Amino acid sequence: MVLSKKKARKKKLIILEESKDITGINLLLIRDDFSAKSTLGKLFLNGEMFCDTLELPWLDNQRSISCIPEGEYNVRLRTAKESATRDYLHLLVQDVEGRSYILVHIGNYPKDTKGCILVGQSRQQDSVYNSRLAMELLIKEVLNLGGTNINLIIKNK
């Protein structure tokens, strides 16, 4: 049985939509630059480099002064109504051992985070830039991909 081009395209779109729901949204954070003040990395979205990241240095997962451990985490969208400090849609990293309210949010310098992950469109030592735009683009893409079933893997290079 030979499908017309239109029917074949429609079938392909249905398969793509179904596979999107199965695989979810995959975020991979590769940390690649470590200093006494910060940890810089690159965030990949479904296999494509998306933006730069800034976190605090590794200090044994201590609350408010350390980045979180390498590992795999579930993530969800978090609204401004759920937050006392963020007036925009952002991401909440869930089930971090010994920690809570680890967010992916706007910020440029280590002073802007208390253990969360900051995003930016470029970076230099101990800083990321154009963070607001990077966050807006990340949230837009997460929403375009369905906004649910978000998985984050963090690895050190």
C-alpha atoms as a PDB file:
ATOM      1  CA  MET A   1       0.000   0.000   0.000  1.00  0.00           C
ATOM      2  CA  VAL A   2       1.470   3.320  -1.083  1.00  0.00           C
ATOM      3  CA  LEU A   3       0.504   6.446   0.866  1.00  0.00           C
ATOM      4  CA  SER A   4       0.051   9.780  -0.843  1.00  0.00           C
ATOM      5  CA  LYS A   5       2.585  12.457   0.124  1.00  0.00           C
ATOM      6  CA  LYS A   6      -0.080  14.307   2.126  1.00  0.00           C
ATOM      7  CA  LYS A   7      -1.113  11.189   4.067  1.00  0.00           C
ATOM      8  CA  ALA A   8       2.540  10.204   4.623  1.00  0.00           C
ATOM      9  CA  ARG A   9       3.296  13.677   6.007  1.00  0.00           C
ATOM     10  CA  LYS A  10       0.244  13.533   8.274  1.00  0.00           C
ATOM     11  CA  LYS A  11       1.264  10.084   9.551  1.00  0.00           C
ATOM     12  CA  LYS A  12       4.822  11.336  10.176  1.00  0.00           C
ATOM     13  CA  LEU A  13       3.474  14.326  12.161  1.00  0.00           C
ATOM     14  CA  ILE A  14       1.333  12.009  14.299  1.00  0.00           C
ATOM     15  CA  ILE A  15       4.354   9.794  15.009  1.00  0.00           C
ATOM     16  CA  LEU A  16       6.463  12.848  15.899  1.00  0.00           C
ATOM     17  CA  GLU A  17       3.772  14.168  18.256  1.00  0.00           C
ATOM     18  CA  GLU A  18       3.478  10.773  19.956  1.00  0.00           C
ATOM     19  CA  SER A  19       7.256  10.429  20.334  1.00  0.00           C
ATOM     20  CA  LYS A  20       7.449  13.938  21.825  1.00  0.00           C
ATOM     21  CA  ASP A  21       5.046  12.865  24.566  1.00  0.00           C
ATOM     22  CA  ILE A  22       7.005   9.679  25.284  1.00  0.00           C
ATOM     23  CA  THR A  23      10.471  11.191  25.423  1.00  0.00           C
ATOM     24  CA  GLY A  24       9.575  14.408  27.204  1.00  0.00           C
ATOM     25  CA  ILE A  25      11.967  17.309  27.496  1.00  0.00           C
ATOM     26  CA  ASN A  26      15.586  16.458  28.128  1.00  0.00           C
ATOM     27  CA  LEU A  27      17.917  19.007  29.661  1.00  0.00           C
ATOM     28  CA  LEU A  28      21.622  18.197  30.003  1.00  0.00           C
ATOM     29  CA  LEU A  29      23.866  20.529  31.988  1.00  0.00           C
ATOM     30  CA  ILE A  30      27.574  19.975  31.393  1.00  0.00           C
ATOM     31  CA  ARG A  31      29.654  21.866  33.959  1.00  0.00           C
ATOM     32  CA  ASP A  32      32.991  22.755  32.388  1.00  0.00           C
ATOM     33  CA  ASP A  33      34.586  25.701  34.226  1.00  0.00           C
ATOM     34  CA  PHE A  34      35.183  25.686  37.977  1.00  0.00           C
ATOM     35  CA  SER A  35      36.450  28.548  40.142  1.00  0.00           C
ATOM     36  CA  ALA A  36      36.379  29.421  43.838  1.00  0.00           C
ATOM     37  CA  LYS A  37      33.355  31.688  43.182  1.00  0.00           C
ATOM     38  CA  SER A  38      31.321  29.802  40.568  1.00  0.00           C
ATOM     39  CA  THR A  39      30.672  26.861  38.301  1.00  0.00           C
ATOM     40  CA  LEU A  40      29.990  27.580  34.629  1.00  0.00           C
ATOM     41  CA  GLY A  41      28.373  25.181  32.212  1.00  0.00           C
ATOM     42  CA  LYS A  42      26.394  24.645  29.064  1.00  0.00           C
ATOM     43  CA  LEU A  43      22.732  23.649  28.994  1.00  0.00           C
ATOM     44  CA  PHE A  44      21.566  21.388  26.171  1.00  0.00           C
ATOM     45  CA  LEU A  45      17.879  21.032  25.301  1.00  0.00           C
ATOM     46  CA  ASN A  46      16.993  17.757  23.589  1.00  0.00           C
ATOM     47  CA  GLY A  47      20.600  17.360  22.435  1.00  0.00           C
ATOM     48  CA  GLU A  48      21.169  20.909  21.160  1.00  0.00           C
ATOM     49  CA  MET A  49      23.312  23.507  22.930  1.00  0.00           C
ATOM     50  CA  PHE A  50      20.817  26.071  24.241  1.00  0.00           C
ATOM     51  CA  CYS A  51      22.470  28.450  26.709  1.00  0.00           C
ATOM     52  CA  ASP A  52      25.207  28.976  29.282  1.00  0.00           C
ATOM     53  CA  THR A  53      24.740  28.402  33.009  1.00  0.00           C
ATOM     54  CA  LEU A  54      26.200  29.759  36.221  1.00  0.00           C
ATOM     55  CA  GLU A  55      26.047  28.082  39.619  1.00  0.00           C
ATOM     56  CA  LEU A  56      27.861  28.376  42.895  1.00  0.00           C
ATOM     57  CA  PRO A  57      31.014  26.282  43.379  1.00  0.00           C
ATOM     58  CA  TRP A  58      30.790  22.750  44.768  1.00  0.00           C
ATOM     59  CA  LEU A  59      30.866  22.972  48.569  1.00  0.00           C
ATOM     60  CA  ASP A  60      29.526  19.525  49.506  1.00  0.00           C
ATOM     61  CA  ASN A  61      25.916  20.393  48.649  1.00  0.00           C
ATOM     62  CA  GLN A  62      25.644  22.861  51.525  1.00  0.00           C
ATOM     63  CA  ARG A  63      22.389  24.799  51.461  1.00  0.00           C
ATOM     64  CA  SER A  64      22.611  28.294  49.880  1.00  0.00           C
ATOM     65  CA  ILE A  65      26.392  28.188  49.236  1.00  0.00           C
ATOM     66  CA  SER A  66      26.917  25.178  46.936  1.00  0.00           C
ATOM     67  CA  CYS A  67      25.743  23.927  43.580  1.00  0.00           C
ATOM     68  CA  ILE A  68      23.728  20.710  43.693  1.00  0.00           C
ATOM     69  CA  PRO A  69      25.275  17.269  43.089  1.00  0.00           C
ATOM     70  CA  GLU A  70      25.712  15.703  39.685  1.00  0.00           C
ATOM     71  CA  GLY A  71      22.771  13.475  38.906  1.00  0.00           C
ATOM     72  CA  GLU A  72      19.383  13.132  37.299  1.00  0.00           C
ATOM     73  CA  TYR A  73      16.430  15.227  38.420  1.00  0.00           C
ATOM     74  CA  ASN A  74      12.799  15.784  37.532  1.00  0.00           C
ATOM     75  CA  VAL A  75      11.965  19.391  36.757  1.00  0.00           C
ATOM     76  CA  ARG A  76       8.668  21.235  36.507  1.00  0.00           C
ATOM     77  CA  LEU A  77       7.470  24.652  35.486  1.00  0.00           C
ATOM     78  CA  ARG A  78       6.866  26.948  38.454  1.00  0.00           C
ATOM     79  CA  THR A  79       4.618  29.986  38.194  1.00  0.00           C
ATOM     80  CA  ALA A  80       5.180  33.429  39.644  1.00  0.00           C
ATOM     81  CA  LYS A  81       2.185  32.844  41.957  1.00  0.00           C
ATOM     82  CA  GLU A  82       4.080  29.964  43.598  1.00  0.00           C
ATOM     83  CA  SER A  83       7.126  32.126  44.303  1.00  0.00           C
ATOM     84  CA  ALA A  84       7.794  34.907  46.751  1.00  0.00           C
ATOM     85  CA  THR A  85      10.895  36.036  44.837  1.00  0.00           C
ATOM     86  CA  ARG A  86      10.344  35.337  41.106  1.00  0.00           C
ATOM     87  CA  ASP A  87       7.682  37.260  39.175  1.00  0.00           C
ATOM     88  CA  TYR A  88       8.038  35.156  36.018  1.00  0.00           C
ATOM     89  CA  LEU A  89       7.654  31.538  34.918  1.00  0.00           C
ATOM     90  CA  HIS A  90      10.762  29.538  35.842  1.00  0.00           C
ATOM     91  CA  LEU A  91      11.838  25.939  36.494  1.00  0.00           C
ATOM     92  CA  LEU A  92      11.930  24.003  39.768  1.00  0.00           C
ATOM     93  CA  VAL A  93      14.443  21.150  40.120  1.00  0.00           C
ATOM     94  CA  GLN A  94      12.781  18.484  42.241  1.00  0.00           C
ATOM     95  CA  ASP A  95      14.005  15.858  44.705  1.00  0.00           C
ATOM     96  CA  VAL A  96      17.486  17.257  45.313  1.00  0.00           C
ATOM     97  CA  GLU A  97      18.797  15.361  48.319  1.00  0.00           C
ATOM     98  CA  GLY A  98      19.137  17.625  51.345  1.00  0.00           C
ATOM     99  CA  ARG A  99      17.950  20.701  49.423  1.00  0.00           C
ATOM    100  CA  SER A 100      14.721  22.388  48.377  1.00  0.00           C
ATOM    101  CA  TYR A 101      13.590  25.131  46.020  1.00  0.00           C
ATOM    102  CA  ILE A 102      16.451  24.716  43.567  1.00  0.00           C
ATOM    103  CA  LEU A 103      15.374  26.885  40.646  1.00  0.00           C
ATOM    104  CA  VAL A 104      16.513  27.658  37.133  1.00  0.00           C
ATOM    105  CA  HIS A 105      16.124  31.430  36.992  1.00  0.00           C
ATOM    106  CA  ILE A 106      17.418  34.820  35.887  1.00  0.00           C
ATOM    107  CA  GLY A 107      20.675  36.178  37.284  1.00  0.00           C
ATOM    108  CA  ASN A 108      24.161  37.166  36.197  1.00  0.00           C
ATOM    109  CA  TYR A 109      26.563  36.656  39.100  1.00  0.00           C
ATOM    110  CA  PRO A 110      27.161  34.247  41.997  1.00  0.00           C
ATOM    111  CA  LYS A 111      25.515  36.790  44.338  1.00  0.00           C
ATOM    112  CA  ASP A 112      22.263  36.269  42.375  1.00  0.00           C
ATOM    113  CA  THR A 113      21.938  32.621  43.380  1.00  0.00           C
ATOM    114  CA  LYS A 114      21.676  30.726  46.624  1.00  0.00           C
ATOM    115  CA  GLY A 115      22.374  27.333  45.066  1.00  0.00           C
ATOM    116  CA  CYS A 116      20.144  27.664  41.999  1.00  0.00           C
ATOM    117  CA  ILE A 117      21.050  27.499  38.299  1.00  0.00           C
ATOM    118  CA  LEU A 118      21.266  30.786  36.392  1.00  0.00           C
ATOM    119  CA  VAL A 119      21.001  30.896  32.588  1.00  0.00           C
ATOM    120  CA  GLY A 120      22.575  33.293  30.099  1.00  0.00           C
ATOM    121  CA  GLN A 121      23.347  33.720  26.425  1.00  0.00           C
ATOM    122  CA  SER A 122      27.076  34.236  26.947  1.00  0.00           C
ATOM    123  CA  ARG A 123      29.560  33.984  29.771  1.00  0.00           C
ATOM    124  CA  GLN A 124      32.833  35.157  31.242  1.00  0.00           C
ATOM    125  CA  GLN A 125      34.625  34.186  34.426  1.00  0.00           C
ATOM    126  CA  ASP A 126      32.056  34.070  37.273  1.00  0.00           C
ATOM    127  CA  SER A 127      29.207  35.572  35.207  1.00  0.00           C
ATOM    128  CA  VAL A 128      26.576  34.985  32.528  1.00  0.00           C
ATOM    129  CA  TYR A 129      24.978  37.669  30.358  1.00  0.00           C
ATOM    130  CA  ASN A 130      21.581  38.311  28.750  1.00  0.00           C
ATOM    131  CA  SER A 131      20.020  36.128  31.413  1.00  0.00           C
ATOM    132  CA  ARG A 132      16.478  37.464  31.070  1.00  0.00           C
ATOM    133  CA  LEU A 133      16.429  36.730  27.338  1.00  0.00           C
ATOM    134  CA  ALA A 134      17.962  33.263  27.853  1.00  0.00           C
ATOM    135  CA  MET A 135      15.268  32.471  30.442  1.00  0.00           C
ATOM    136  CA  GLU A 136      12.468  33.736  28.213  1.00  0.00           C
ATOM    137  CA  LEU A 137      13.714  31.619  25.300  1.00  0.00           C
ATOM    138  CA  LEU A 138      14.146  28.543  27.495  1.00  0.00           C
ATOM    139  CA  ILE A 139      10.628  28.808  28.918  1.00  0.00           C
ATOM    140  CA  LYS A 140       9.185  29.457  25.445  1.00  0.00           C
ATOM    141  CA  GLU A 141      10.855  26.317  24.105  1.00  0.00           C
ATOM    142  CA  VAL A 142       9.810  24.215  27.116  1.00  0.00           C
ATOM    143  CA  LEU A 143       6.211  25.354  26.596  1.00  0.00           C
ATOM    144  CA  ASN A 144       6.423  24.639  22.851  1.00  0.00           C
ATOM    145  CA  LEU A 145       7.518  21.085  23.725  1.00  0.00           C
ATOM    146  CA  GLY A 146       4.537  20.582  26.013  1.00  0.00           C
ATOM    147  CA  GLY A 147       5.880  21.890  29.332  1.00  0.00           C
ATOM    148  CA  THR A 148       5.753  18.545  31.147  1.00  0.00           C
ATOM    149  CA  ASN A 149       7.914  15.475  31.663  1.00  0.00           C
ATOM    150  CA  ILE A 150      11.097  17.541  32.013  1.00  0.00           C
ATOM    151  CA  ASN A 151      14.277  15.634  32.906  1.00  0.00           C
ATOM    152  CA  LEU A 152      17.583  17.273  33.914  1.00  0.00           C
ATOM    153  CA  ILE A 153      20.916  15.468  33.948  1.00  0.00           C
ATOM    154  CA  ILE A 154      23.884  17.297  35.460  1.00  0.00           C
ATOM    155  CA  LYS A 155      27.442  16.144  34.711  1.00  0.00           C
ATOM    156  CA  ASN A 156      30.873  17.577  35.428  1.00  0.00           C
ATOM    157  CA  LYS A 157      33.332  17.619  32.515  1.00  0.00           C
END
